[in-house]
Amino acid sequence: MVNVGLIGAGKMGISHLAILGAHPDVNVVGVCDTSKMVIEAMEKYSPFPCFTDYKKMLSQAKPDAVVVAVPTRFHASMVAELLQLGIHVFVEKPFCLKPEEGVELIRMAKEKKLVNQVGYHNKFVGTFTEVKKLLEAGAIGEIYHFMGQAYGPVVVKAKGDTWRSNPEEGGGCLMDYASHVIDLVNYLVSPVQSVQASMLKSVFSRNVDDAVFAMMQLQNGVSGLLSVNWSDDTFRKMTTSVTINGKKGKIVSDANELKVYFKDAACPAGYSRGWNVKYVTDLTPSVDYYLRGEEYSAQMDHFIKAVEGKVPNLLNSFESAAQTDNAISLIRKAQP
């Protein structure tokens, strides 16, 4: 059994806690949040030991691993403290507010041989994992263009400020929504190397961006576009998609449906010339516990298995998340 603690019982924290609580190899030894109201509710309705001071939780509960689901500005200092104590860390995305903050954390995790993972769940979505397999097999030939998109109804009117509307806390569409798309492009095609132009636009928010647009070039020379808008209420929920053009075909995929076009009959088994359509229900392995989507359980299961030494610590490591942080920084700097 892996003894796990949780710091931050907000939206994502509660989701992770539900998954951890149902995991057969996990013993939740502590839940911490600064809100007394939240902790009182947890004490009343959950079996988990509860704390309002994470340092107290660490000293008393002595977890093997900790899930960190607090505002981004706390990530660097909190994760460094956990690593120093020899604790494996799963931290929510984005990794850090500034790329340079992640450098020391990567060094510490390597030096202490600690499992580290950042919460970019798209790598565990069946359609996107199939895209990765197709690209690694060279199925659509040489890639020459991509487009990464995400739209949703997060901020569709002016409203009161929270930490998500504060750039110093890690708020804004670029840090929240666009980071998912950037990380997915980094994973599927190649890490972002440079940004030729970008625009961060406020629609309803006062202090942060609600839409992000950028022209980017990747390390493998492929160029493409990023288009993200969390003020689009024509979408019921966040919708992330990638379009990838190759000399032998084209891939269009979101979290529900994968469409692949092959120019000729020389294509992988299970596909044919022309358009092919596959659905996430056909491409996703089952999980022991379902909440919000298989990918959330799958990513946490991967973290636990990595702590147990059953799988390598490769997916969503601090190093890959730092590449996303770097791309975010490049997008900011490329604004006119």
C-alpha atoms as a PDB file:
ATOM      1  CA  MET A   1       0.000   0.000   0.000  1.00  0.00           C
ATOM      2  CA  VAL A   2       1.125   3.535  -0.776  1.00  0.00           C
ATOM      3  CA  ASN A   3       0.388   6.095   1.937  1.00  0.00           C
ATOM      4  CA  VAL A   4      -0.849   9.228   0.176  1.00  0.00           C
ATOM      5  CA  GLY A   5      -1.642  12.716   1.395  1.00  0.00           C
ATOM      6  CA  LEU A   6      -3.581  15.465  -0.393  1.00  0.00           C
ATOM      7  CA  ILE A   7      -2.881  19.190  -0.130  1.00  0.00           C
ATOM      8  CA  GLY A   8      -5.710  21.331  -1.513  1.00  0.00           C
ATOM      9  CA  ALA A   9      -9.305  20.086  -1.382  1.00  0.00           C
ATOM     10  CA  GLY A  10     -10.782  22.266  -4.105  1.00  0.00           C
ATOM     11  CA  LYS A  11     -12.382  21.080  -7.349  1.00  0.00           C
ATOM     12  CA  MET A  12      -9.438  19.027  -8.621  1.00  0.00           C
ATOM     13  CA  GLY A  13      -8.308  18.035  -5.151  1.00  0.00           C
ATOM     14  CA  ILE A  14     -11.681  16.479  -4.333  1.00  0.00           C
ATOM     15  CA  SER A  15     -11.668  14.643  -7.665  1.00  0.00           C
ATOM     16  CA  HIS A  16      -8.219  13.218  -6.987  1.00  0.00           C
ATOM     17  CA  LEU A  17      -9.235  12.315  -3.446  1.00  0.00           C
ATOM     18  CA  ALA A  18     -12.244  10.313  -4.647  1.00  0.00           C
ATOM     19  CA  ILE A  19     -10.010   8.364  -7.040  1.00  0.00           C
ATOM     20  CA  LEU A  20      -7.322   7.816  -4.418  1.00  0.00           C
ATOM     21  CA  GLY A  21      -9.892   6.725  -1.841  1.00  0.00           C
ATOM     22  CA  ALA A  22     -11.128   4.012  -4.191  1.00  0.00           C
ATOM     23  CA  HIS A  23      -7.678   2.837  -5.308  1.00  0.00           C
ATOM     24  CA  PRO A  24      -6.874  -0.675  -4.047  1.00  0.00           C
ATOM     25  CA  ASP A  25      -3.182   0.137  -3.491  1.00  0.00           C
ATOM     26  CA  VAL A  26      -3.667   3.476  -1.722  1.00  0.00           C
ATOM     27  CA  ASN A  27      -4.121   4.391   1.911  1.00  0.00           C
ATOM     28  CA  VAL A  28      -5.140   8.058   2.232  1.00  0.00           C
ATOM     29  CA  VAL A  29      -3.347   9.185   5.387  1.00  0.00           C
ATOM     30  CA  GLY A  30      -4.226  12.867   5.329  1.00  0.00           C
ATOM     31  CA  VAL A  31      -6.228  15.612   3.626  1.00  0.00           C
ATOM     32  CA  CYS A  32      -5.253  19.251   4.067  1.00  0.00           C
ATOM     33  CA  ASP A  33      -6.985  22.485   3.130  1.00  0.00           C
ATOM     34  CA  THR A  34      -6.804  25.986   4.599  1.00  0.00           C
ATOM     35  CA  SER A  35     -10.595  26.316   4.541  1.00  0.00           C
ATOM     36  CA  LYS A  36     -12.021  25.314   7.915  1.00  0.00           C
ATOM     37  CA  MET A  37     -15.441  24.880   6.312  1.00  0.00           C
ATOM     38  CA  VAL A  38     -14.045  22.348   3.844  1.00  0.00           C
ATOM     39  CA  ILE A  39     -12.139  20.476   6.528  1.00  0.00           C
ATOM     40  CA  GLU A  40     -15.143  20.374   8.848  1.00  0.00           C
ATOM     41  CA  ALA A  41     -17.209  18.853   6.046  1.00  0.00           C
ATOM     42  CA  MET A  42     -14.439  16.342   5.280  1.00  0.00           C
ATOM     43  CA  GLU A  43     -14.195  15.380   8.941  1.00  0.00           C
ATOM     44  CA  LYS A  44     -17.940  14.832   9.076  1.00  0.00           C
ATOM     45  CA  TYR A  45     -18.458  12.936   5.838  1.00  0.00           C
ATOM     46  CA  SER A  46     -15.138  11.222   5.050  1.00  0.00           C
ATOM     47  CA  PRO A  47     -13.002   8.640   6.877  1.00  0.00           C
ATOM     48  CA  PHE A  48      -9.751  10.529   6.179  1.00  0.00           C
ATOM     49  CA  PRO A  49      -7.585  12.324   8.770  1.00  0.00           C
ATOM     50  CA  CYS A  50      -7.956  16.062   8.124  1.00  0.00           C
ATOM     51  CA  PHE A  51      -5.617  19.019   8.645  1.00  0.00           C
ATOM     52  CA  THR A  52      -5.575  22.772   8.030  1.00  0.00           C
ATOM     53  CA  ASP A  53      -1.753  22.920   8.165  1.00  0.00           C
ATOM     54  CA  TYR A  54       0.050  20.812   5.574  1.00  0.00           C
ATOM     55  CA  LYS A  55       3.306  20.821   7.571  1.00  0.00           C
ATOM     56  CA  LYS A  56       1.432  19.213  10.451  1.00  0.00           C
ATOM     57  CA  MET A  57      -0.030  16.640   8.082  1.00  0.00           C
ATOM     58  CA  LEU A  58       3.424  15.770   6.768  1.00  0.00           C
ATOM     59  CA  SER A  59       4.925  15.341  10.225  1.00  0.00           C
ATOM     60  CA  GLN A  60       2.036  13.329  11.667  1.00  0.00           C
ATOM     61  CA  ALA A  61       0.744  11.311   8.698  1.00  0.00           C
ATOM     62  CA  LYS A  62       4.169  10.670   7.117  1.00  0.00           C
ATOM     63  CA  PRO A  63       2.911  10.043   3.554  1.00  0.00           C
ATOM     64  CA  ASP A  64       4.993   8.222   0.940  1.00  0.00           C
ATOM     65  CA  ALA A  65       3.471  10.436  -1.760  1.00  0.00           C
ATOM     66  CA  VAL A  66       1.516  13.682  -1.858  1.00  0.00           C
ATOM     67  CA  VAL A  67      -0.938  15.099  -4.386  1.00  0.00           C
ATOM     68  CA  VAL A  68      -0.639  18.898  -4.586  1.00  0.00           C
ATOM     69  CA  ALA A  69      -3.761  20.684  -5.862  1.00  0.00           C
ATOM     70  CA  VAL A  70      -3.227  24.285  -4.756  1.00  0.00           C
ATOM     71  CA  PRO A  71      -2.934  27.545  -6.773  1.00  0.00           C
ATOM     72  CA  THR A  72       0.096  27.523  -9.075  1.00  0.00           C
ATOM     73  CA  ARG A  73       2.069  30.175  -7.216  1.00  0.00           C
ATOM     74  CA  PHE A  74       2.506  27.771  -4.291  1.00  0.00           C
ATOM     75  CA  HIS A  75       3.780  24.876  -6.420  1.00  0.00           C
ATOM     76  CA  ALA A  76       7.504  25.667  -6.499  1.00  0.00           C
ATOM     77  CA  SER A  77       8.026  26.130  -2.759  1.00  0.00           C
ATOM     78  CA  MET A  78       5.657  23.362  -1.688  1.00  0.00           C
ATOM     79  CA  VAL A  79       7.002  20.776  -4.122  1.00  0.00           C
ATOM     80  CA  ALA A  80      10.592  21.635  -3.146  1.00  0.00           C
ATOM     81  CA  GLU A  81       9.716  21.033   0.512  1.00  0.00           C
ATOM     82  CA  LEU A  82       8.109  17.669  -0.287  1.00  0.00           C
ATOM     83  CA  LEU A  83      11.068  16.535  -2.370  1.00  0.00           C
ATOM     84  CA  GLN A  84      13.471  17.567   0.374  1.00  0.00           C
ATOM     85  CA  LEU A  85      11.540  15.266   2.711  1.00  0.00           C
ATOM     86  CA  GLY A  86      11.882  12.387   0.240  1.00  0.00           C
ATOM     87  CA  ILE A  87       8.204  12.354  -0.753  1.00  0.00           C
ATOM     88  CA  HIS A  88       6.956  11.411  -4.229  1.00  0.00           C
ATOM     89  CA  VAL A  89       4.905  14.221  -5.800  1.00  0.00           C
ATOM     90  CA  PHE A  90       1.914  14.538  -8.098  1.00  0.00           C
ATOM     91  CA  VAL A  91       1.212  18.236  -8.690  1.00  0.00           C
ATOM     92  CA  GLU A  92      -1.605  19.813 -10.657  1.00  0.00           C
ATOM     93  CA  LYS A  93      -0.884  21.721 -13.851  1.00  0.00           C
ATOM     94  CA  PRO A  94       0.656  24.015 -14.819  1.00  0.00           C
ATOM     95  CA  PHE A  95       3.920  23.010 -13.143  1.00  0.00           C
ATOM     96  CA  CYS A  96       5.309  26.416 -12.114  1.00  0.00           C
ATOM     97  CA  LEU A  97       4.597  30.100 -12.684  1.00  0.00           C
ATOM     98  CA  LYS A  98       8.061  30.649 -14.197  1.00  0.00           C
ATOM     99  CA  PRO A  99      10.204  28.171 -16.171  1.00  0.00           C
ATOM    100  CA  GLU A 100      13.259  28.777 -13.989  1.00  0.00           C
ATOM    101  CA  GLU A 101      11.362  27.574 -10.908  1.00  0.00           C
ATOM    102  CA  GLY A 102      11.093  24.096 -12.352  1.00  0.00           C
ATOM    103  CA  VAL A 103      14.833  23.646 -12.960  1.00  0.00           C
ATOM    104  CA  GLU A 104      15.686  23.081  -9.302  1.00  0.00           C
ATOM    105  CA  LEU A 105      12.680  20.807  -8.780  1.00  0.00           C
ATOM    106  CA  ILE A 106      13.746  18.606 -11.696  1.00  0.00           C
ATOM    107  CA  ARG A 107      17.267  18.395 -10.244  1.00  0.00           C
ATOM    108  CA  MET A 108      15.983  17.511  -6.770  1.00  0.00           C
ATOM    109  CA  ALA A 109      13.604  14.823  -8.036  1.00  0.00           C
ATOM    110  CA  LYS A 110      16.394  13.200 -10.072  1.00  0.00           C
ATOM    111  CA  GLU A 111      18.928  13.412  -7.271  1.00  0.00           C
ATOM    112  CA  LYS A 112      16.577  11.825  -4.748  1.00  0.00           C
ATOM    113  CA  LYS A 113      15.126   9.362  -7.290  1.00  0.00           C
ATOM    114  CA  LEU A 114      11.565  10.439  -6.501  1.00  0.00           C
ATOM    115  CA  VAL A 115       8.537   9.832  -8.714  1.00  0.00           C
ATOM    116  CA  ASN A 116       7.169  13.085 -10.118  1.00  0.00           C
ATOM    117  CA  GLN A 117       4.099  13.740 -12.233  1.00  0.00           C
ATOM    118  CA  VAL A 118       2.105  16.788 -13.347  1.00  0.00           C
ATOM    119  CA  GLY A 119      -1.636  16.611 -13.989  1.00  0.00           C
ATOM    120  CA  TYR A 120      -1.911  16.839 -17.771  1.00  0.00           C
ATOM    121  CA  HIS A 121      -4.611  14.211 -18.256  1.00  0.00           C
ATOM    122  CA  ASN A 122      -4.863  14.306 -22.074  1.00  0.00           C
ATOM    123  CA  LYS A 123      -1.994  11.826 -22.402  1.00  0.00           C
ATOM    124  CA  PHE A 124      -4.352   9.252 -20.881  1.00  0.00           C
ATOM    125  CA  VAL A 125      -7.255   9.906 -23.300  1.00  0.00           C
ATOM    126  CA  GLY A 126      -7.746   6.994 -25.693  1.00  0.00           C
ATOM    127  CA  THR A 127      -8.073   9.064 -28.876  1.00  0.00           C
ATOM    128  CA  PHE A 128      -4.899  11.030 -28.167  1.00  0.00           C
ATOM    129  CA  THR A 129      -2.919   7.902 -27.250  1.00  0.00           C
ATOM    130  CA  GLU A 130      -3.963   6.462 -30.624  1.00  0.00           C
ATOM    131  CA  VAL A 131      -2.772   9.659 -32.331  1.00  0.00           C
ATOM    132  CA  LYS A 132       0.598   9.198 -30.621  1.00  0.00           C
ATOM    133  CA  LYS A 133       0.861   5.610 -31.896  1.00  0.00           C
ATOM    134  CA  LEU A 134       0.013   6.663 -35.459  1.00  0.00           C
ATOM    135  CA  LEU A 135       2.566   9.470 -35.450  1.00  0.00           C
ATOM    136  CA  GLU A 136       5.308   7.298 -33.957  1.00  0.00           C
ATOM    137  CA  ALA A 137       4.631   4.763 -36.723  1.00  0.00           C
ATOM    138  CA  GLY A 138       4.940   7.494 -39.381  1.00  0.00           C
ATOM    139  CA  ALA A 139       1.436   6.658 -40.580  1.00  0.00           C
ATOM    140  CA  ILE A 140       0.692  10.073 -42.140  1.00  0.00           C
ATOM    141  CA  GLY A 141       4.236  10.635 -43.379  1.00  0.00           C
ATOM    142  CA  GLU A 142       6.298  13.735 -42.749  1.00  0.00           C
ATOM    143  CA  ILE A 143       4.361  16.224 -40.620  1.00  0.00           C
ATOM    144  CA  TYR A 144       4.347  19.768 -41.940  1.00  0.00           C
ATOM    145  CA  HIS A 145       1.630  21.581 -39.968  1.00  0.00           C
ATOM    146  CA  PHE A 146      -0.479  21.347 -36.811  1.00  0.00           C
ATOM    147  CA  MET A 147      -3.235  23.225 -35.056  1.00  0.00           C
ATOM    148  CA  GLY A 148      -4.062  22.900 -31.371  1.00  0.00           C
ATOM    149  CA  GLN A 149      -7.380  24.223 -30.089  1.00  0.00           C
ATOM    150  CA  ALA A 150      -9.466  24.379 -26.919  1.00  0.00           C
ATOM    151  CA  TYR A 151     -12.759  26.169 -26.326  1.00  0.00           C
ATOM    152  CA  GLY A 152     -15.194  26.283 -23.454  1.00  0.00           C
ATOM    153  CA  PRO A 153     -17.561  28.330 -21.267  1.00  0.00           C
ATOM    154  CA  VAL A 154     -15.417  29.146 -18.215  1.00  0.00           C
ATOM    155  CA  VAL A 155     -15.656  32.963 -18.229  1.00  0.00           C
ATOM    156  CA  VAL A 156     -18.723  34.055 -20.185  1.00  0.00           C
ATOM    157  CA  LYS A 157     -19.567  37.195 -18.205  1.00  0.00           C
ATOM    158  CA  ALA A 158     -17.885  39.635 -15.855  1.00  0.00           C
ATOM    159  CA  LYS A 159     -17.764  38.150 -12.371  1.00  0.00           C
ATOM    160  CA  GLY A 160     -16.078  38.422  -9.002  1.00  0.00           C
ATOM    161  CA  ASP A 161     -12.368  37.752  -8.730  1.00  0.00           C
ATOM    162  CA  THR A 162     -10.894  34.439  -7.542  1.00  0.00           C
ATOM    163  CA  TRP A 163      -7.317  33.128  -7.649  1.00  0.00           C
ATOM    164  CA  ARG A 164      -8.019  32.047 -11.237  1.00  0.00           C
ATOM    165  CA  SER A 165      -8.500  35.696 -12.211  1.00  0.00           C
ATOM    166  CA  ASN A 166      -5.195  36.735 -10.651  1.00  0.00           C
ATOM    167  CA  PRO A 167      -2.096  36.416 -12.876  1.00  0.00           C
ATOM    168  CA  GLU A 168       0.152  36.282  -9.802  1.00  0.00           C
ATOM    169  CA  GLU A 169      -1.713  33.176  -8.606  1.00  0.00           C
ATOM    170  CA  GLY A 170      -1.478  31.403 -11.952  1.00  0.00           C
ATOM    171  CA  GLY A 171      -4.873  32.435 -13.312  1.00  0.00           C
ATOM    172  CA  GLY A 172      -5.873  33.100 -16.894  1.00  0.00           C
ATOM    173  CA  CYS A 173      -6.669  31.149 -20.020  1.00  0.00           C
ATOM    174  CA  LEU A 174      -3.021  30.688 -21.033  1.00  0.00           C
ATOM    175  CA  MET A 175      -2.009  29.049 -17.753  1.00  0.00           C
ATOM    176  CA  ASP A 176      -5.231  27.097 -17.278  1.00  0.00           C
ATOM    177  CA  TYR A 177      -6.732  26.093 -20.649  1.00  0.00           C
ATOM    178  CA  ALA A 178      -3.922  26.658 -23.156  1.00  0.00           C
ATOM    179  CA  SER A 179      -1.354  24.781 -21.075  1.00  0.00           C
ATOM    180  CA  HIS A 180      -3.285  21.557 -21.767  1.00  0.00           C
ATOM    181  CA  VAL A 181      -3.121  22.111 -25.515  1.00  0.00           C
ATOM    182  CA  ILE A 182       0.543  23.119 -25.490  1.00  0.00           C
ATOM    183  CA  ASP A 183       1.454  20.056 -23.459  1.00  0.00           C
ATOM    184  CA  LEU A 184      -0.479  17.838 -25.869  1.00  0.00           C
ATOM    185  CA  VAL A 185       1.311  19.321 -28.903  1.00  0.00           C
ATOM    186  CA  ASN A 186       4.660  18.885 -27.135  1.00  0.00           C
ATOM    187  CA  TYR A 187       3.828  15.235 -26.535  1.00  0.00           C
ATOM    188  CA  LEU A 188       2.283  14.308 -29.876  1.00  0.00           C
ATOM    189  CA  VAL A 189       4.465  16.237 -32.314  1.00  0.00           C
ATOM    190  CA  SER A 190       7.478  17.926 -30.672  1.00  0.00           C
ATOM    191  CA  PRO A 191       8.208  20.479 -27.931  1.00  0.00           C
ATOM    192  CA  VAL A 192       7.686  24.159 -28.754  1.00  0.00           C
ATOM    193  CA  GLN A 193      10.965  25.825 -29.686  1.00  0.00           C
ATOM    194  CA  SER A 194       9.908  29.361 -30.621  1.00  0.00           C
ATOM    195  CA  VAL A 195       6.855  31.589 -30.932  1.00  0.00           C
ATOM    196  CA  GLN A 196       6.729  33.940 -33.917  1.00  0.00           C
ATOM    197  CA  ALA A 197       3.666  35.921 -32.795  1.00  0.00           C
ATOM    198  CA  SER A 198       1.032  35.744 -30.094  1.00  0.00           C
ATOM    199  CA  MET A 199      -2.004  37.583 -28.755  1.00  0.00           C
ATOM    200  CA  LEU A 200      -3.511  37.299 -25.287  1.00  0.00           C
ATOM    201  CA  LYS A 201      -6.963  38.825 -25.207  1.00  0.00           C
ATOM    202  CA  SER A 202      -9.267  39.674 -22.297  1.00  0.00           C
ATOM    203  CA  VAL A 203     -12.955  39.260 -23.109  1.00  0.00           C
ATOM    204  CA  PHE A 204     -14.780  39.421 -19.780  1.00  0.00           C
ATOM    205  CA  SER A 205     -11.912  39.244 -17.292  1.00  0.00           C
ATOM    206  CA  ARG A 206     -10.261  42.375 -15.953  1.00  0.00           C
ATOM    207  CA  ASN A 207      -6.789  41.140 -15.091  1.00  0.00           C
ATOM    208  CA  VAL A 208      -6.134  37.976 -17.089  1.00  0.00           C
ATOM    209  CA  ASP A 209      -6.449  36.657 -20.627  1.00  0.00           C
ATOM    210  CA  ASP A 210      -9.587  34.855 -21.786  1.00  0.00           C
ATOM    211  CA  ALA A 211      -8.283  33.907 -25.240  1.00  0.00           C
ATOM    212  CA  VAL A 212      -4.855  32.950 -26.570  1.00  0.00           C
ATOM    213  CA  PHE A 213      -3.646  32.820 -30.152  1.00  0.00           C
ATOM    214  CA  ALA A 214      -0.095  31.997 -31.271  1.00  0.00           C
ATOM    215  CA  MET A 215       2.077  30.992 -34.227  1.00  0.00           C
ATOM    216  CA  MET A 216       4.678  28.458 -33.070  1.00  0.00           C
ATOM    217  CA  GLN A 217       7.579  26.410 -34.367  1.00  0.00           C
ATOM    218  CA  LEU A 218       8.518  23.100 -32.784  1.00  0.00           C
ATOM    219  CA  GLN A 219      11.935  21.586 -32.165  1.00  0.00           C
ATOM    220  CA  ASN A 220      11.520  19.252 -35.152  1.00  0.00           C
ATOM    221  CA  GLY A 221      10.893  22.227 -37.461  1.00  0.00           C
ATOM    222  CA  VAL A 222       7.124  21.773 -37.789  1.00  0.00           C
ATOM    223  CA  SER A 223       5.134  25.001 -37.530  1.00  0.00           C
ATOM    224  CA  GLY A 224       1.553  25.520 -36.463  1.00  0.00           C
ATOM    225  CA  LEU A 225      -1.124  27.480 -34.661  1.00  0.00           C
ATOM    226  CA  LEU A 226      -2.603  27.641 -31.182  1.00  0.00           C
ATOM    227  CA  SER A 227      -6.173  28.889 -30.699  1.00  0.00           C
ATOM    228  CA  VAL A 228      -7.736  28.765 -27.226  1.00  0.00           C
ATOM    229  CA  ASN A 229     -10.772  30.601 -25.822  1.00  0.00           C
ATOM    230  CA  TRP A 230     -12.457  29.898 -22.502  1.00  0.00           C
ATOM    231  CA  SER A 231     -15.125  32.573 -23.077  1.00  0.00           C
ATOM    232  CA  ASP A 232     -16.951  30.627 -25.785  1.00  0.00           C
ATOM    233  CA  ASP A 233     -20.360  29.527 -24.514  1.00  0.00           C
ATOM    234  CA  THR A 234     -21.232  27.723 -27.749  1.00  0.00           C
ATOM    235  CA  PHE A 235     -19.435  24.802 -26.075  1.00  0.00           C
ATOM    236  CA  ARG A 236     -21.039  22.968 -23.148  1.00  0.00           C
ATOM    237  CA  LYS A 237     -17.676  22.108 -21.598  1.00  0.00           C
ATOM    238  CA  MET A 238     -13.973  22.279 -22.414  1.00  0.00           C
ATOM    239  CA  THR A 239     -13.264  20.786 -25.844  1.00  0.00           C
ATOM    240  CA  THR A 240      -9.643  20.154 -26.810  1.00  0.00           C
ATOM    241  CA  SER A 241      -8.609  19.127 -30.314  1.00  0.00           C
ATOM    242  CA  VAL A 242      -5.565  18.732 -32.526  1.00  0.00           C
ATOM    243  CA  THR A 243      -5.256  18.737 -36.307  1.00  0.00           C
ATOM    244  CA  ILE A 244      -2.036  17.360 -37.767  1.00  0.00           C
ATOM    245  CA  ASN A 245      -1.191  17.449 -41.473  1.00  0.00           C
ATOM    246  CA  GLY A 246       1.283  15.013 -42.998  1.00  0.00           C
ATOM    247  CA  LYS A 247       2.393  14.347 -46.554  1.00  0.00           C
ATOM    248  CA  LYS A 248       0.548  11.001 -46.563  1.00  0.00           C
ATOM    249  CA  GLY A 249      -2.546  11.984 -44.621  1.00  0.00           C
ATOM    250  CA  LYS A 250      -4.225  14.013 -41.920  1.00  0.00           C
ATOM    251  CA  ILE A 251      -5.331  13.507 -38.308  1.00  0.00           C
ATOM    252  CA  VAL A 252      -8.171  15.381 -36.609  1.00  0.00           C
ATOM    253  CA  SER A 253      -8.824  14.362 -33.024  1.00  0.00           C
ATOM    254  CA  ASP A 254     -10.544  15.523 -29.875  1.00  0.00           C
ATOM    255  CA  ALA A 255     -11.185  13.645 -26.638  1.00  0.00           C
ATOM    256  CA  ASN A 256     -14.202  11.840 -28.100  1.00  0.00           C
ATOM    257  CA  GLU A 257     -13.521  11.168 -31.765  1.00  0.00           C
ATOM    258  CA  LEU A 258     -10.483  10.429 -33.914  1.00  0.00           C
ATOM    259  CA  LYS A 259     -10.633  11.032 -37.677  1.00  0.00           C
ATOM    260  CA  VAL A 260      -7.741   9.945 -39.879  1.00  0.00           C
ATOM    261  CA  TYR A 261      -7.367  10.435 -43.641  1.00  0.00           C
ATOM    262  CA  PHE A 262      -4.918   8.322 -45.640  1.00  0.00           C
ATOM    263  CA  LYS A 263      -4.067   9.282 -49.222  1.00  0.00           C
ATOM    264  CA  ASP A 264      -3.352   5.714 -50.301  1.00  0.00           C
ATOM    265  CA  ALA A 265      -3.878   2.123 -49.197  1.00  0.00           C
ATOM    266  CA  ALA A 266      -0.490   1.867 -47.462  1.00  0.00           C
ATOM    267  CA  CYS A 267      -1.827   2.477 -43.960  1.00  0.00           C
ATOM    268  CA  PRO A 268      -1.810   0.705 -40.570  1.00  0.00           C
ATOM    269  CA  ALA A 269      -3.886  -2.363 -39.786  1.00  0.00           C
ATOM    270  CA  GLY A 270      -7.437  -1.434 -38.876  1.00  0.00           C
ATOM    271  CA  TYR A 271      -7.418   1.580 -41.229  1.00  0.00           C
ATOM    272  CA  SER A 272      -8.133   2.035 -44.933  1.00  0.00           C
ATOM    273  CA  ARG A 273      -7.590   4.589 -47.661  1.00  0.00           C
ATOM    274  CA  GLY A 274      -9.669   7.746 -47.231  1.00  0.00           C
ATOM    275  CA  TRP A 275     -11.359   8.838 -44.030  1.00  0.00           C
ATOM    276  CA  ASN A 276     -11.454   6.606 -40.945  1.00  0.00           C
ATOM    277  CA  VAL A 277     -13.356   7.349 -37.740  1.00  0.00           C
ATOM    278  CA  LYS A 278     -12.744   5.829 -34.308  1.00  0.00           C
ATOM    279  CA  TYR A 279     -14.276   6.721 -30.965  1.00  0.00           C
ATOM    280  CA  VAL A 280     -12.786   7.043 -27.507  1.00  0.00           C
ATOM    281  CA  THR A 281     -15.061   4.256 -26.247  1.00  0.00           C
ATOM    282  CA  ASP A 282     -13.236   1.867 -28.591  1.00  0.00           C
ATOM    283  CA  LEU A 283      -9.759   3.112 -27.693  1.00  0.00           C
ATOM    284  CA  THR A 284      -9.823   3.502 -23.911  1.00  0.00           C
ATOM    285  CA  PRO A 285      -8.861   0.703 -21.494  1.00  0.00           C
ATOM    286  CA  SER A 286     -11.255   0.213 -18.591  1.00  0.00           C
ATOM    287  CA  VAL A 287     -10.377   1.597 -15.157  1.00  0.00           C
ATOM    288  CA  ASP A 288     -11.216   0.372 -11.667  1.00  0.00           C
ATOM    289  CA  TYR A 289     -12.963   3.595 -10.718  1.00  0.00           C
ATOM    290  CA  TYR A 290     -14.681   6.066 -13.061  1.00  0.00           C
ATOM    291  CA  LEU A 291     -14.935   9.770 -12.216  1.00  0.00           C
ATOM    292  CA  ARG A 292     -15.320  12.551 -14.828  1.00  0.00           C
ATOM    293  CA  GLY A 293     -13.545  10.365 -17.380  1.00  0.00           C
ATOM    294  CA  GLU A 294     -11.284   7.327 -17.449  1.00  0.00           C
ATOM    295  CA  GLU A 295      -8.257   9.564 -18.001  1.00  0.00           C
ATOM    296  CA  TYR A 296      -8.374  11.007 -14.473  1.00  0.00           C
ATOM    297  CA  SER A 297      -8.310   7.583 -12.872  1.00  0.00           C
ATOM    298  CA  ALA A 298      -5.699   6.379 -15.374  1.00  0.00           C
ATOM    299  CA  GLN A 299      -3.290   9.215 -14.632  1.00  0.00           C
ATOM    300  CA  MET A 300      -3.519   8.700 -10.881  1.00  0.00           C
ATOM    301  CA  ASP A 301      -3.156   4.946 -11.279  1.00  0.00           C
ATOM    302  CA  HIS A 302      -0.030   5.570 -13.357  1.00  0.00           C
ATOM    303  CA  PHE A 303       1.409   7.738 -10.588  1.00  0.00           C
ATOM    304  CA  ILE A 304       0.734   5.096  -7.936  1.00  0.00           C
ATOM    305  CA  LYS A 305       2.182   2.335 -10.100  1.00  0.00           C
ATOM    306  CA  ALA A 306       5.297   4.469 -10.696  1.00  0.00           C
ATOM    307  CA  VAL A 307       5.691   4.927  -6.934  1.00  0.00           C
ATOM    308  CA  GLU A 308       5.379   1.157  -6.544  1.00  0.00           C
ATOM    309  CA  GLY A 309       8.010   0.657  -9.249  1.00  0.00           C
ATOM    310  CA  LYS A 310       5.603  -1.142 -11.573  1.00  0.00           C
ATOM    311  CA  VAL A 311       5.895   1.363 -14.453  1.00  0.00           C
ATOM    312  CA  PRO A 312       8.628   3.843 -15.444  1.00  0.00           C
ATOM    313  CA  ASN A 313       8.221   7.491 -14.419  1.00  0.00           C
ATOM    314  CA  LEU A 314       8.027   8.816 -17.982  1.00  0.00           C
ATOM    315  CA  LEU A 315       4.574  10.264 -18.623  1.00  0.00           C
ATOM    316  CA  ASN A 316       3.957  13.843 -17.413  1.00  0.00           C
ATOM    317  CA  SER A 317       7.245  14.109 -15.566  1.00  0.00           C
ATOM    318  CA  PHE A 318       8.512  17.426 -14.217  1.00  0.00           C
ATOM    319  CA  GLU A 319      10.799  17.601 -17.260  1.00  0.00           C
ATOM    320  CA  SER A 320       7.981  17.380 -19.804  1.00  0.00           C
ATOM    321  CA  ALA A 321       5.837  19.820 -17.799  1.00  0.00           C
ATOM    322  CA  ALA A 322       8.758  22.267 -17.704  1.00  0.00           C
ATOM    323  CA  GLN A 323       8.739  22.279 -21.507  1.00  0.00           C
ATOM    324  CA  THR A 324       5.127  23.455 -21.347  1.00  0.00           C
ATOM    325  CA  ASP A 325       6.073  26.156 -18.828  1.00  0.00           C
ATOM    326  CA  ASN A 326       8.780  27.299 -21.220  1.00  0.00           C
ATOM    327  CA  ALA A 327       6.314  27.518 -24.127  1.00  0.00           C
ATOM    328  CA  ILE A 328       3.930  29.575 -21.975  1.00  0.00           C
ATOM    329  CA  SER A 329       6.774  31.985 -21.258  1.00  0.00           C
ATOM    330  CA  LEU A 330       7.628  32.228 -24.981  1.00  0.00           C
ATOM    331  CA  ILE A 331       3.987  33.032 -25.810  1.00  0.00           C
ATOM    332  CA  ARG A 332       3.956  35.854 -23.269  1.00  0.00           C
ATOM    333  CA  LYS A 333       7.193  37.313 -24.616  1.00  0.00           C
ATOM    334  CA  ALA A 334       5.993  37.181 -28.240  1.00  0.00           C
ATOM    335  CA  GLN A 335       3.090  39.576 -27.666  1.00  0.00           C
ATOM    336  CA  PRO A 336       3.304  42.860 -29.613  1.00  0.00           C
END
